[in-house]
Structures are given as structure tokens and as C-alpha cells.
Protein backbone atom coordinates (compact mmCIF):
# COMPACT_ATOMS: atom_id res chain seq x y z
CA UNK A 1 -85.52 42.13 -43.14
CA UNK A 2 -84.36 44.18 -46.09
CA UNK A 3 -87.82 45.30 -47.20
CA UNK A 4 -89.98 48.28 -46.34
CA UNK A 5 -92.84 45.91 -45.51
CA UNK A 6 -90.74 44.21 -42.81
CA UNK A 7 -89.88 47.53 -41.16
CA UNK A 8 -93.47 48.79 -41.42
CA UNK A 9 -94.75 45.66 -39.70
CA UNK A 10 -91.96 45.88 -37.11
CA UNK A 11 -92.78 49.54 -36.37
CA UNK A 12 -96.47 48.71 -35.97
CA UNK A 13 -95.59 45.86 -33.63
CA UNK A 14 -93.29 48.09 -31.57
CA UNK A 15 -95.92 50.84 -31.23
CA UNK A 16 -98.56 48.30 -30.23
CA UNK A 17 -96.21 46.74 -27.66
CA UNK A 18 -95.31 50.20 -26.31
CA UNK A 19 -98.98 51.03 -25.82
CA UNK A 20 -99.74 47.69 -24.18
CA UNK A 21 -96.78 47.95 -21.79
CA UNK A 22 -97.63 51.56 -20.91
CA UNK A 23 -101.24 50.61 -20.22
CA UNK A 24 -100.11 47.72 -18.02
CA UNK A 25 -97.75 49.92 -16.01
CA UNK A 26 -100.37 52.65 -15.61
CA UNK A 27 -103.03 50.22 -14.42
CA UNK A 28 -100.72 48.31 -12.10
CA UNK A 29 -98.80 51.19 -10.58
CA UNK A 30 -101.20 54.05 -9.92
CA UNK A 31 -104.65 54.78 -8.62
CA UNK A 32 -105.12 57.95 -10.68
CA UNK A 33 -103.44 59.96 -13.43
CA UNK A 34 -101.62 62.24 -10.99
CA UNK A 35 -99.95 59.34 -9.14
CA UNK A 36 -98.20 57.94 -12.21
CA UNK A 37 -94.41 57.96 -12.24
CA UNK A 38 -94.26 58.94 -15.90
CA UNK A 39 -90.50 58.55 -16.40
CA UNK A 40 -90.57 54.97 -15.12
CA UNK A 41 -93.75 54.13 -17.04
CA UNK A 42 -92.43 55.51 -20.34
CA UNK A 43 -89.05 53.84 -19.75
CA UNK A 44 -90.70 50.47 -19.20
CA UNK A 45 -92.87 50.87 -22.29
CA UNK A 46 -89.82 51.95 -24.32
CA UNK A 47 -87.90 48.86 -23.24
CA UNK A 48 -90.84 46.66 -24.26
CA UNK A 49 -90.93 48.35 -27.67
CA UNK A 50 -87.19 47.81 -28.11
CA UNK A 51 -87.63 44.14 -27.23
CA UNK A 52 -90.39 43.87 -29.85
CA UNK A 53 -88.00 45.23 -32.49
CA UNK A 54 -85.21 42.89 -31.39
CA UNK A 55 -87.63 39.95 -31.50
CA UNK A 56 -88.60 40.88 -35.06
CA UNK A 57 -84.93 41.06 -36.05
CA UNK A 58 -84.20 37.76 -34.35
CA UNK A 59 -87.04 36.00 -36.11
CA UNK A 60 -86.21 37.36 -39.58
CA UNK A 61 -85.41 34.65 -42.09
CA UNK A 62 -81.75 35.41 -42.79
CA UNK A 63 -79.16 32.88 -43.88
CA UNK A 64 -79.46 29.13 -44.14
CA UNK A 65 -81.79 27.22 -41.84
CA UNK A 66 -80.21 26.30 -38.56
CA UNK A 67 -80.94 24.46 -35.35
CA UNK A 68 -83.64 26.78 -34.00
CA UNK A 69 -86.33 25.71 -31.57
CA UNK A 70 -89.05 25.75 -34.22
CA UNK A 71 -86.99 24.34 -37.07
CA UNK A 72 -86.74 20.74 -38.12
CA UNK A 73 -83.70 19.36 -39.90
CA UNK A 74 -84.35 18.87 -43.60
CA UNK A 75 -81.44 16.55 -44.21
CA UNK A 76 -79.82 18.68 -46.89
CA UNK A 77 -76.07 18.47 -46.92
CA UNK A 78 -75.99 15.11 -45.20
CA UNK A 79 -74.68 12.09 -46.96
CA UNK A 80 -76.15 8.69 -46.14
CA UNK A 81 -73.86 6.41 -44.20
CA UNK A 82 -73.26 3.16 -46.10
């Protein structure tokens, strides 16, 4: 999370998500270019881009491993019971 590569990849992901969400709203909500509610479409795409950034931040490997959905306990720090 503290590298330029992380933020470059996150920005690319956010732009791609913005474009995908905008395309989905445009296709689903209008029959032609003049019927588009641009404020709502851009707002929806912006929210999707923000969620992509938050997802990247949430999945960054920061701190010790914890009880996440995709993690498995490694047993470190546990003492065997005798």
C-alpha cells in the first residue's frame, strides 16, 4: 500500500471500474445519447470507482495475518496444550 506500484494499479482498476459502471448505466437506462441522465450516470460510475479504491485498500497486506475469509490459521503464536 505504500508503493507507487500499488497506487498505479489501484488507479487503473478505479478507471476501469468507472468505465464499466458508466457503460452499464448508459446501456441500461437510456435508448439514445440524448436520453441519458448524465449526473446520475456519472455519480453511479464515480461511486463504483470509489468502491474499487476502497476494495484495493481493504485487500492490501498490512499488519499481521488475521482471521479473514481467505486466510487460514498458520498456528504461529499458539502453544501446544500438554
